[in-house]
Amino acid sequence: DYFNVDFLRQRITETEDIGTSWQITPVWKL
């Protein structure tokens, strides 16, 4: 029904700005 892939830059903040990383997320329904 769908198969999508996200290629994302990720920035996390907690008590301070931790910085950036990357994230790849496939999503699907069969």
Full PDB file with SEQRES, HELIX, SHEET, SSBOND, CRYST1, ORIGX, SCALE, CONECT and MASTER records, all heavy atoms in Angstrom:
SEQRES   1 A   30  ASP TYR PHE ASN VAL ASP PHE LEU ARG GLN ARG ILE THR          
SEQRES   2 A   30  GLU THR GLU ASP ILE GLY THR SER TRP GLN ILE THR PRO          
SEQRES   3 A   30  VAL TRP LYS LEU                                              
SHEET    1 AA1 2 TYR A   2  THR A  13  0                                        
SHEET    2 AA1 2 ASP A  17  LYS A  29 -1                                        
CRYST1    1.000    1.000    1.000  90.00  90.00  90.00 P 1           1          
ORIGX1      1.000000  0.000000  0.000000        0.00000                         
ORIGX2      0.000000  1.000000  0.000000        0.00000                         
ORIGX3      0.000000  0.000000  1.000000        0.00000                         
SCALE1      1.000000  0.000000  0.000000        0.00000                         
SCALE2      0.000000  1.000000  0.000000        0.00000                         
SCALE3      0.000000  0.000000  1.000000        0.00000                         
ATOM      1  N   ASP A   1       0.843  -1.196   0.000  1.00  0.00           N  
ATOM      2  CA  ASP A   1       0.000   0.000   0.000  1.00  0.00           C  
ATOM      3  C   ASP A   1       0.880   1.248   0.000  1.00  0.00           C  
ATOM      4  O   ASP A   1       0.553   2.246  -0.632  1.00  0.00           O  
ATOM      5  CB  ASP A   1      -0.918   0.013   1.223  1.00  0.00           C  
ATOM      6  CG  ASP A   1      -2.136  -0.867   1.032  1.00  0.00           C  
ATOM      7  OD1 ASP A   1      -2.295  -1.460  -0.063  1.00  0.00           O  
ATOM      8  OD2 ASP A   1      -2.933  -0.989   1.988  1.00  0.00           O  
ATOM      9  N   TYR A   2       1.967   1.199   0.748  1.00  0.00           N  
ATOM     10  CA  TYR A   2       2.958   2.272   0.710  1.00  0.00           C  
ATOM     11  C   TYR A   2       4.293   1.740   1.223  1.00  0.00           C  
ATOM     12  O   TYR A   2       4.364   0.797   2.012  1.00  0.00           O  
ATOM     13  CB  TYR A   2       2.521   3.494   1.528  1.00  0.00           C  
ATOM     14  CG  TYR A   2       2.161   3.225   2.964  1.00  0.00           C  
ATOM     15  CD1 TYR A   2       3.154   3.097   3.949  1.00  0.00           C  
ATOM     16  CD2 TYR A   2       0.830   3.124   3.373  1.00  0.00           C  
ATOM     17  CE1 TYR A   2       2.830   2.863   5.261  1.00  0.00           C  
ATOM     18  CE2 TYR A   2       0.502   2.889   4.686  1.00  0.00           C  
ATOM     19  CZ  TYR A   2       1.492   2.753   5.633  1.00  0.00           C  
ATOM     20  OH  TYR A   2       1.179   2.508   6.937  1.00  0.00           O  
ATOM     21  N   PHE A   3       5.350   2.367   0.756  1.00  0.00           N  
ATOM     22  CA  PHE A   3       6.705   2.117   1.250  1.00  0.00           C  
ATOM     23  C   PHE A   3       7.467   3.422   1.074  1.00  0.00           C  
ATOM     24  O   PHE A   3       7.776   3.820  -0.047  1.00  0.00           O  
ATOM     25  CB  PHE A   3       7.389   0.985   0.478  1.00  0.00           C  
ATOM     26  CG  PHE A   3       8.674   0.519   1.132  1.00  0.00           C  
ATOM     27  CD1 PHE A   3       8.699  -0.650   1.863  1.00  0.00           C  
ATOM     28  CD2 PHE A   3       9.839   1.266   1.029  1.00  0.00           C  
ATOM     29  CE1 PHE A   3       9.865  -1.085   2.473  1.00  0.00           C  
ATOM     30  CE2 PHE A   3      11.014   0.856   1.635  1.00  0.00           C  
ATOM     31  CZ  PHE A   3      11.031  -0.325   2.367  1.00  0.00           C  
ATOM     32  N   ASN A   4       7.704   4.103   2.195  1.00  0.00           N  
ATOM     33  CA  ASN A   4       8.347   5.412   2.177  1.00  0.00           C  
ATOM     34  C   ASN A   4       9.625   5.368   3.011  1.00  0.00           C  
ATOM     35  O   ASN A   4       9.708   4.637   4.002  1.00  0.00           O  
ATOM     36  CB  ASN A   4       7.419   6.487   2.763  1.00  0.00           C  
ATOM     37  CG  ASN A   4       6.023   6.426   2.188  1.00  0.00           C  
ATOM     38  OD1 ASN A   4       5.840   6.172   1.006  1.00  0.00           O  
ATOM     39  ND2 ASN A   4       5.029   6.649   3.029  1.00  0.00           N  
ATOM     40  N   VAL A   5      10.599   6.162   2.642  1.00  0.00           N  
ATOM     41  CA  VAL A   5      11.843   6.245   3.404  1.00  0.00           C  
ATOM     42  C   VAL A   5      12.170   7.721   3.653  1.00  0.00           C  
ATOM     43  O   VAL A   5      12.270   8.509   2.703  1.00  0.00           O  
ATOM     44  CB  VAL A   5      13.018   5.563   2.686  1.00  0.00           C  
ATOM     45  CG1 VAL A   5      14.280   5.639   3.567  1.00  0.00           C  
ATOM     46  CG2 VAL A   5      12.696   4.110   2.360  1.00  0.00           C  
ATOM     47  N   ASP A   6      12.324   8.082   4.934  1.00  0.00           N  
ATOM     48  CA  ASP A   6      12.740   9.425   5.319  1.00  0.00           C  
ATOM     49  C   ASP A   6      14.255   9.454   5.523  1.00  0.00           C  
ATOM     50  O   ASP A   6      14.815   8.566   6.178  1.00  0.00           O  
ATOM     51  CB  ASP A   6      12.070   9.853   6.628  1.00  0.00           C  
ATOM     52  CG  ASP A   6      10.557   9.910   6.536  1.00  0.00           C  
ATOM     53  OD1 ASP A   6      10.052  10.224   5.445  1.00  0.00           O  
ATOM     54  OD2 ASP A   6       9.898   9.640   7.554  1.00  0.00           O  
ATOM     55  N   PHE A   7      14.906  10.484   4.999  1.00  0.00           N  
ATOM     56  CA  PHE A   7      16.323  10.740   5.244  1.00  0.00           C  
ATOM     57  C   PHE A   7      16.403  12.081   5.966  1.00  0.00           C  
ATOM     58  O   PHE A   7      16.222  13.139   5.350  1.00  0.00           O  
ATOM     59  CB  PHE A   7      17.101  10.781   3.928  1.00  0.00           C  
ATOM     60  CG  PHE A   7      17.048   9.489   3.151  1.00  0.00           C  
ATOM     61  CD1 PHE A   7      16.018   9.242   2.250  1.00  0.00           C  
ATOM     62  CD2 PHE A   7      18.026   8.520   3.316  1.00  0.00           C  
ATOM     63  CE1 PHE A   7      15.962   8.059   1.533  1.00  0.00           C  
ATOM     64  CE2 PHE A   7      17.994   7.335   2.595  1.00  0.00           C  
ATOM     65  CZ  PHE A   7      16.952   7.100   1.704  1.00  0.00           C  
ATOM     66  N   LEU A   8      16.653  12.028   7.277  1.00  0.00           N  
ATOM     67  CA  LEU A   8      16.456  13.206   8.108  1.00  0.00           C  
ATOM     68  C   LEU A   8      17.719  13.591   8.871  1.00  0.00           C  
ATOM     69  O   LEU A   8      18.533  12.742   9.239  1.00  0.00           O  
ATOM     70  CB  LEU A   8      15.337  12.955   9.123  1.00  0.00           C  
ATOM     71  CG  LEU A   8      13.973  12.540   8.555  1.00  0.00           C  
ATOM     72  CD1 LEU A   8      13.037  12.157   9.677  1.00  0.00           C  
ATOM     73  CD2 LEU A   8      13.386  13.648   7.702  1.00  0.00           C  
ATOM     74  N   ARG A   9      17.842  14.901   9.116  1.00  0.00           N  
ATOM     75  CA  ARG A   9      18.818  15.430  10.044  1.00  0.00           C  
ATOM     76  C   ARG A   9      18.112  15.605  11.368  1.00  0.00           C  
ATOM     77  O   ARG A   9      16.969  16.081  11.419  1.00  0.00           O  
ATOM     78  CB  ARG A   9      19.353  16.778   9.547  1.00  0.00           C  
ATOM     79  CG  ARG A   9      20.610  17.256  10.257  1.00  0.00           C  
ATOM     80  CD  ARG A   9      21.793  16.377   9.966  1.00  0.00           C  
ATOM     81  NE  ARG A   9      23.033  16.949  10.519  1.00  0.00           N  
ATOM     82  CZ  ARG A   9      24.159  16.266  10.625  1.00  0.00           C  
ATOM     83  NH1 ARG A   9      24.207  15.004  10.214  1.00  0.00           N  
ATOM     84  NH2 ARG A   9      25.248  16.836  11.118  1.00  0.00           N  
ATOM     85  N   GLN A  10      18.774  15.246  12.453  1.00  0.00           N  
ATOM     86  CA  GLN A  10      18.139  15.237  13.770  1.00  0.00           C  
ATOM     87  C   GLN A  10      18.933  16.107  14.736  1.00  0.00           C  
ATOM     88  O   GLN A  10      20.151  15.998  14.839  1.00  0.00           O  
ATOM     89  CB  GLN A  10      18.087  13.792  14.295  1.00  0.00           C  
ATOM     90  CG  GLN A  10      17.447  13.629  15.654  1.00  0.00           C  
ATOM     91  CD  GLN A  10      17.722  12.256  16.244  1.00  0.00           C  
ATOM     92  OE1 GLN A  10      18.759  12.040  16.849  1.00  0.00           O  
ATOM     93  NE2 GLN A  10      16.786  11.332  16.061  1.00  0.00           N  
ATOM     94  N   ARG A  11      18.235  16.986  15.429  1.00  0.00           N  
ATOM     95  CA  ARG A  11      18.855  17.796  16.480  1.00  0.00           C  
ATOM     96  C   ARG A  11      18.083  17.589  17.770  1.00  0.00           C  
ATOM     97  O   ARG A  11      16.861  17.749  17.797  1.00  0.00           O  
ATOM     98  CB  ARG A  11      18.866  19.271  16.112  1.00  0.00           C  
ATOM     99  CG  ARG A  11      19.447  20.172  17.212  1.00  0.00           C  
ATOM    100  CD  ARG A  11      19.546  21.614  16.784  1.00  0.00           C  
ATOM    101  NE  ARG A  11      20.554  21.791  15.760  1.00  0.00           N  
ATOM    102  CZ  ARG A  11      21.862  21.943  15.989  1.00  0.00           C  
ATOM    103  NH1 ARG A  11      22.309  21.924  17.233  1.00  0.00           N  
ATOM    104  NH2 ARG A  11      22.709  22.107  15.000  1.00  0.00           N  
ATOM    105  N   ILE A  12      18.792  17.240  18.837  1.00  0.00           N  
ATOM    106  CA  ILE A  12      18.157  16.961  20.120  1.00  0.00           C  
ATOM    107  C   ILE A  12      18.560  18.016  21.137  1.00  0.00           C  
ATOM    108  O   ILE A  12      19.733  18.394  21.223  1.00  0.00           O  
ATOM    109  CB  ILE A  12      18.532  15.560  20.641  1.00  0.00           C  
ATOM    110  CG1 ILE A  12      17.885  14.482  19.750  1.00  0.00           C  
ATOM    111  CG2 ILE A  12      18.076  15.363  22.071  1.00  0.00           C  
ATOM    112  CD1 ILE A  12      18.171  13.077  20.195  1.00  0.00           C  
ATOM    113  N   THR A  13      17.576  18.486  21.902  1.00  0.00           N  
ATOM    114  CA  THR A  13      17.840  19.404  23.005  1.00  0.00           C  
ATOM    115  C   THR A  13      17.283  18.792  24.278  1.00  0.00           C  
ATOM    116  O   THR A  13      16.155  18.309  24.313  1.00  0.00           O  
ATOM    117  CB  THR A  13      17.203  20.777  22.766  1.00  0.00           C  
ATOM    118  OG1 THR A  13      15.794  20.623  22.564  1.00  0.00           O  
ATOM    119  CG2 THR A  13      17.802  21.447  21.554  1.00  0.00           C  
ATOM    120  N   GLU A  14      18.087  18.799  25.325  1.00  0.00           N  
ATOM    121  CA  GLU A  14      17.642  18.359  26.649  1.00  0.00           C  
ATOM    122  C   GLU A  14      17.954  19.485  27.629  1.00  0.00           C  
ATOM    123  O   GLU A  14      17.371  20.554  27.549  1.00  0.00           O  
ATOM    124  CB  GLU A  14      18.310  17.027  27.004  1.00  0.00           C  
ATOM    125  CG  GLU A  14      17.860  15.886  26.087  1.00  0.00           C  
ATOM    126  CD  GLU A  14      18.421  14.528  26.467  1.00  0.00           C  
ATOM    127  OE1 GLU A  14      19.272  14.458  27.379  1.00  0.00           O  
ATOM    128  OE2 GLU A  14      18.018  13.530  25.859  1.00  0.00           O  
ATOM    129  N   THR A  15      18.880  19.275  28.555  1.00  0.00           N  
ATOM    130  CA  THR A  15      19.278  20.396  29.399  1.00  0.00           C  
ATOM    131  C   THR A  15      20.078  21.410  28.599  1.00  0.00           C  
ATOM    132  O   THR A  15      20.230  22.562  28.985  1.00  0.00           O  
ATOM    133  CB  THR A  15      20.126  19.897  30.581  1.00  0.00           C  
ATOM    134  OG1 THR A  15      21.196  19.096  30.067  1.00  0.00           O  
ATOM    135  CG2 THR A  15      19.282  19.066  31.523  1.00  0.00           C  
ATOM    136  N   GLU A  16      20.621  20.953  27.437  1.00  0.00           N  
ATOM    137  CA  GLU A  16      21.360  21.831  26.554  1.00  0.00           C  
ATOM    138  C   GLU A  16      21.221  21.285  25.137  1.00  0.00           C  
ATOM    139  O   GLU A  16      20.674  20.201  24.916  1.00  0.00           O  
ATOM    140  CB  GLU A  16      22.832  21.879  26.958  1.00  0.00           C  
ATOM    141  CG  GLU A  16      23.507  20.520  26.933  1.00  0.00           C  
ATOM    142  CD  GLU A  16      24.927  20.555  27.436  1.00  0.00           C  
ATOM    143  OE1 GLU A  16      25.335  21.595  27.967  1.00  0.00           O  
ATOM    144  OE2 GLU A  16      25.626  19.547  27.288  1.00  0.00           O  
ATOM    145  N   ASP A  17      21.690  22.054  24.164  1.00  0.00           N  
ATOM    146  CA  ASP A  17      21.658  21.612  22.776  1.00  0.00           C  
ATOM    147  C   ASP A  17      22.747  20.557  22.585  1.00  0.00           C  
ATOM    148  O   ASP A  17      23.943  20.856  22.646  1.00  0.00           O  
ATOM    149  CB  ASP A  17      21.899  22.800  21.844  1.00  0.00           C  
ATOM    150  CG  ASP A  17      21.607  22.457  20.395  1.00  0.00           C  
ATOM    151  OD1 ASP A  17      21.714  21.265  20.032  1.00  0.00           O  
ATOM    152  OD2 ASP A  17      21.281  23.363  19.621  1.00  0.00           O  
ATOM    153  N   ILE A  18      22.342  19.314  22.365  1.00  0.00           N  
ATOM    154  CA  ILE A  18      23.300  18.216  22.273  1.00  0.00           C  
ATOM    155  C   ILE A  18      23.989  18.190  20.920  1.00  0.00           C  
ATOM    156  O   ILE A  18      25.148  17.797  20.806  1.00  0.00           O  
ATOM    157  CB  ILE A  18      22.580  16.882  22.547  1.00  0.00           C  
ATOM    158  CG1 ILE A  18      22.149  16.828  24.013  1.00  0.00           C  
ATOM    159  CG2 ILE A  18      23.471  15.694  22.222  1.00  0.00           C  
ATOM    160  CD1 ILE A  18      21.279  15.657  24.345  1.00  0.00           C  
ATOM    161  N   GLY A  19      23.294  18.634  19.871  1.00  0.00           N  
ATOM    162  CA  GLY A  19      23.885  18.626  18.542  1.00  0.00           C  
ATOM    163  C   GLY A  19      23.065  17.814  17.561  1.00  0.00           C  
ATOM    164  O   GLY A  19      21.947  17.406  17.846  1.00  0.00           O  
ATOM    165  N   THR A  20      23.649  17.586  16.389  1.00  0.00           N  
ATOM    166  CA  THR A  20      22.916  16.951  15.298  1.00  0.00           C  
ATOM    167  C   THR A  20      23.441  15.550  15.021  1.00  0.00           C  
ATOM    168  O   THR A  20      24.571  15.197  15.347  1.00  0.00           O  
ATOM    169  CB  THR A  20      23.014  17.785  14.020  1.00  0.00           C  
ATOM    170  OG1 THR A  20      24.387  17.890  13.635  1.00  0.00           O  
ATOM    171  CG2 THR A  20      22.427  19.166  14.223  1.00  0.00           C  
ATOM    172  N   SER A  21      22.576  14.772  14.401  1.00  0.00           N  
ATOM    173  CA  SER A  21      22.926  13.456  13.904  1.00  0.00           C  
ATOM    174  C   SER A  21      22.038  13.199  12.694  1.00  0.00           C  
ATOM    175  O   SER A  21      21.395  14.121  12.182  1.00  0.00           O  
ATOM    176  CB  SER A  21      22.722  12.397  14.993  1.00  0.00           C  
ATOM    177  OG  SER A  21      23.125  11.121  14.528  1.00  0.00           O  
ATOM    178  N   TRP A  22      22.001  11.958  12.227  1.00  0.00           N  
ATOM    179  CA  TRP A  22      21.154  11.622  11.089  1.00  0.00           C  
ATOM    180  C   TRP A  22      20.191  10.513  11.486  1.00  0.00           C  
ATOM    181  O   TRP A  22      20.409   9.792  12.459  1.00  0.00           O  
ATOM    182  CB  TRP A  22      22.005  11.183   9.889  1.00  0.00           C  
ATOM    183  CG  TRP A  22      22.983  10.070  10.212  1.00  0.00           C  
ATOM    184  CD1 TRP A  22      24.295  10.210  10.550  1.00  0.00           C  
ATOM    185  CD2 TRP A  22      22.706   8.668  10.230  1.00  0.00           C  
ATOM    186  NE1 TRP A  22      24.871   8.981  10.792  1.00  0.00           N  
ATOM    187  CE2 TRP A  22      23.926   8.009  10.599  1.00  0.00           C  
ATOM    188  CE3 TRP A  22      21.589   7.895   9.983  1.00  0.00           C  
ATOM    189  CZ2 TRP A  22      24.016   6.618  10.715  1.00  0.00           C  
ATOM    190  CZ3 TRP A  22      21.680   6.506  10.107  1.00  0.00           C  
ATOM    191  CH2 TRP A  22      22.881   5.884  10.453  1.00  0.00           C  
ATOM    192  N   GLN A  23      19.107  10.402  10.730  1.00  0.00           N  
ATOM    193  CA  GLN A  23      18.125   9.346  10.963  1.00  0.00           C  
ATOM    194  C   GLN A  23      17.537   8.906   9.625  1.00  0.00           C  
ATOM    195  O   GLN A  23      17.131   9.746   8.814  1.00  0.00           O  
ATOM    196  CB  GLN A  23      17.007   9.829  11.887  1.00  0.00           C  
ATOM    197  CG  GLN A  23      15.898   8.807  12.131  1.00  0.00           C  
ATOM    198  CD  GLN A  23      14.876   9.280  13.138  1.00  0.00           C  
ATOM    199  OE1 GLN A  23      15.226   9.836  14.191  1.00  0.00           O  
ATOM    200  NE2 GLN A  23      13.600   9.083  12.841  1.00  0.00           N  
ATOM    201  N   ILE A  24      17.491   7.610   9.393  1.00  0.00           N  
ATOM    202  CA  ILE A  24      16.863   7.027   8.201  1.00  0.00           C  
ATOM    203  C   ILE A  24      15.713   6.152   8.674  1.00  0.00           C  
ATOM    204  O   ILE A  24      15.905   5.267   9.508  1.00  0.00           O  
ATOM    205  CB  ILE A  24      17.862   6.205   7.373  1.00  0.00           C  
ATOM    206  CG1 ILE A  24      19.025   7.088   6.899  1.00  0.00           C  
ATOM    207  CG2 ILE A  24      17.164   5.567   6.176  1.00  0.00           C  
ATOM    208  CD1 ILE A  24      20.119   6.316   6.189  1.00  0.00           C  
ATOM    209  N   THR A  25      14.512   6.419   8.164  1.00  0.00           N  
ATOM    210  CA  THR A  25      13.311   5.733   8.642  1.00  0.00           C  
ATOM    211  C   THR A  25      12.476   5.199   7.483  1.00  0.00           C  
ATOM    212  O   THR A  25      11.788   5.962   6.806  1.00  0.00           O  
ATOM    213  CB  THR A  25      12.441   6.678   9.488  1.00  0.00           C  
ATOM    214  OG1 THR A  25      13.193   7.138  10.613  1.00  0.00           O  
ATOM    215  CG2 THR A  25      11.186   5.960   9.990  1.00  0.00           C  
ATOM    216  N   PRO A  26      12.519   3.900   7.210  1.00  0.00           N  
ATOM    217  CA  PRO A  26      11.554   3.296   6.281  1.00  0.00           C  
ATOM    218  C   PRO A  26      10.234   3.017   6.998  1.00  0.00           C  
ATOM    219  O   PRO A  26      10.219   2.621   8.169  1.00  0.00           O  
ATOM    220  CB  PRO A  26      12.240   1.999   5.849  1.00  0.00           C  
ATOM    221  CG  PRO A  26      13.171   1.670   6.961  1.00  0.00           C  
ATOM    222  CD  PRO A  26      13.572   2.964   7.615  1.00  0.00           C  
ATOM    223  N   VAL A  27       9.133   3.232   6.288  1.00  0.00           N  
ATOM    224  CA  VAL A  27       7.779   2.976   6.787  1.00  0.00           C  
ATOM    225  C   VAL A  27       7.034   2.203   5.713  1.00  0.00           C  
ATOM    226  O   VAL A  27       7.115   2.554   4.524  1.00  0.00           O  
ATOM    227  CB  VAL A  27       7.031   4.289   7.103  1.00  0.00           C  
ATOM    228  CG1 VAL A  27       5.663   4.001   7.691  1.00  0.00           C  
ATOM    229  CG2 VAL A  27       7.846   5.162   8.039  1.00  0.00           C  
ATOM    230  N   TRP A  28       6.282   1.165   6.087  1.00  0.00           N  
ATOM    231  CA  TRP A  28       5.676   0.321   5.062  1.00  0.00           C  
ATOM    232  C   TRP A  28       4.352  -0.282   5.531  1.00  0.00           C  
ATOM    233  O   TRP A  28       4.063  -0.341   6.725  1.00  0.00           O  
ATOM    234  CB  TRP A  28       6.633  -0.821   4.700  1.00  0.00           C  
ATOM    235  CG  TRP A  28       6.800  -1.830   5.805  1.00  0.00           C  
ATOM    236  CD1 TRP A  28       6.034  -2.947   6.040  1.00  0.00           C  
ATOM    237  CD2 TRP A  28       7.754  -1.785   6.870  1.00  0.00           C  
ATOM    238  NE1 TRP A  28       6.479  -3.593   7.170  1.00  0.00           N  
ATOM    239  CE2 TRP A  28       7.519  -2.915   7.686  1.00  0.00           C  
ATOM    240  CE3 TRP A  28       8.793  -0.902   7.197  1.00  0.00           C  
ATOM    241  CZ2 TRP A  28       8.294  -3.177   8.816  1.00  0.00           C  
ATOM    242  CZ3 TRP A  28       9.557  -1.167   8.325  1.00  0.00           C  
ATOM    243  CH2 TRP A  28       9.311  -2.292   9.106  1.00  0.00           C  
ATOM    244  N   LYS A  29       3.574  -0.731   4.542  1.00  0.00           N  
ATOM    245  CA  LYS A  29       2.356  -1.512   4.797  1.00  0.00           C  
ATOM    246  C   LYS A  29       2.158  -2.476   3.642  1.00  0.00           C  
ATOM    247  O   LYS A  29       2.046  -2.065   2.490  1.00  0.00           O  
ATOM    248  CB  LYS A  29       1.130  -0.603   4.940  1.00  0.00           C  
ATOM    249  CG  LYS A  29      -0.168  -1.388   5.199  1.00  0.00           C  
ATOM    250  CD  LYS A  29      -1.363  -0.460   5.357  1.00  0.00           C  
ATOM    251  CE  LYS A  29      -2.643  -1.232   5.597  1.00  0.00           C  
ATOM    252  NZ  LYS A  29      -3.825  -0.329   5.736  1.00  0.00           N  
ATOM    253  N   LEU A  30       2.105  -3.773   3.978  1.00  0.00           N  
ATOM    254  CA  LEU A  30       1.961  -4.832   2.975  1.00  0.00           C  
ATOM    255  C   LEU A  30       0.748  -5.680   3.321  1.00  0.00           C  
ATOM    256  O   LEU A  30       0.783  -6.468   4.269  1.00  0.00           O  
ATOM    257  CB  LEU A  30       3.216  -5.705   2.937  1.00  0.00           C  
ATOM    258  CG  LEU A  30       3.176  -6.916   1.994  1.00  0.00           C  
ATOM    259  CD1 LEU A  30       3.095  -6.454   0.543  1.00  0.00           C  
ATOM    260  CD2 LEU A  30       4.391  -7.803   2.207  1.00  0.00           C  
TER     261      LEU A  30                                                      
MASTER        0    0    0    0    2    0    0    6  260    1    0    3          
END                                                                             
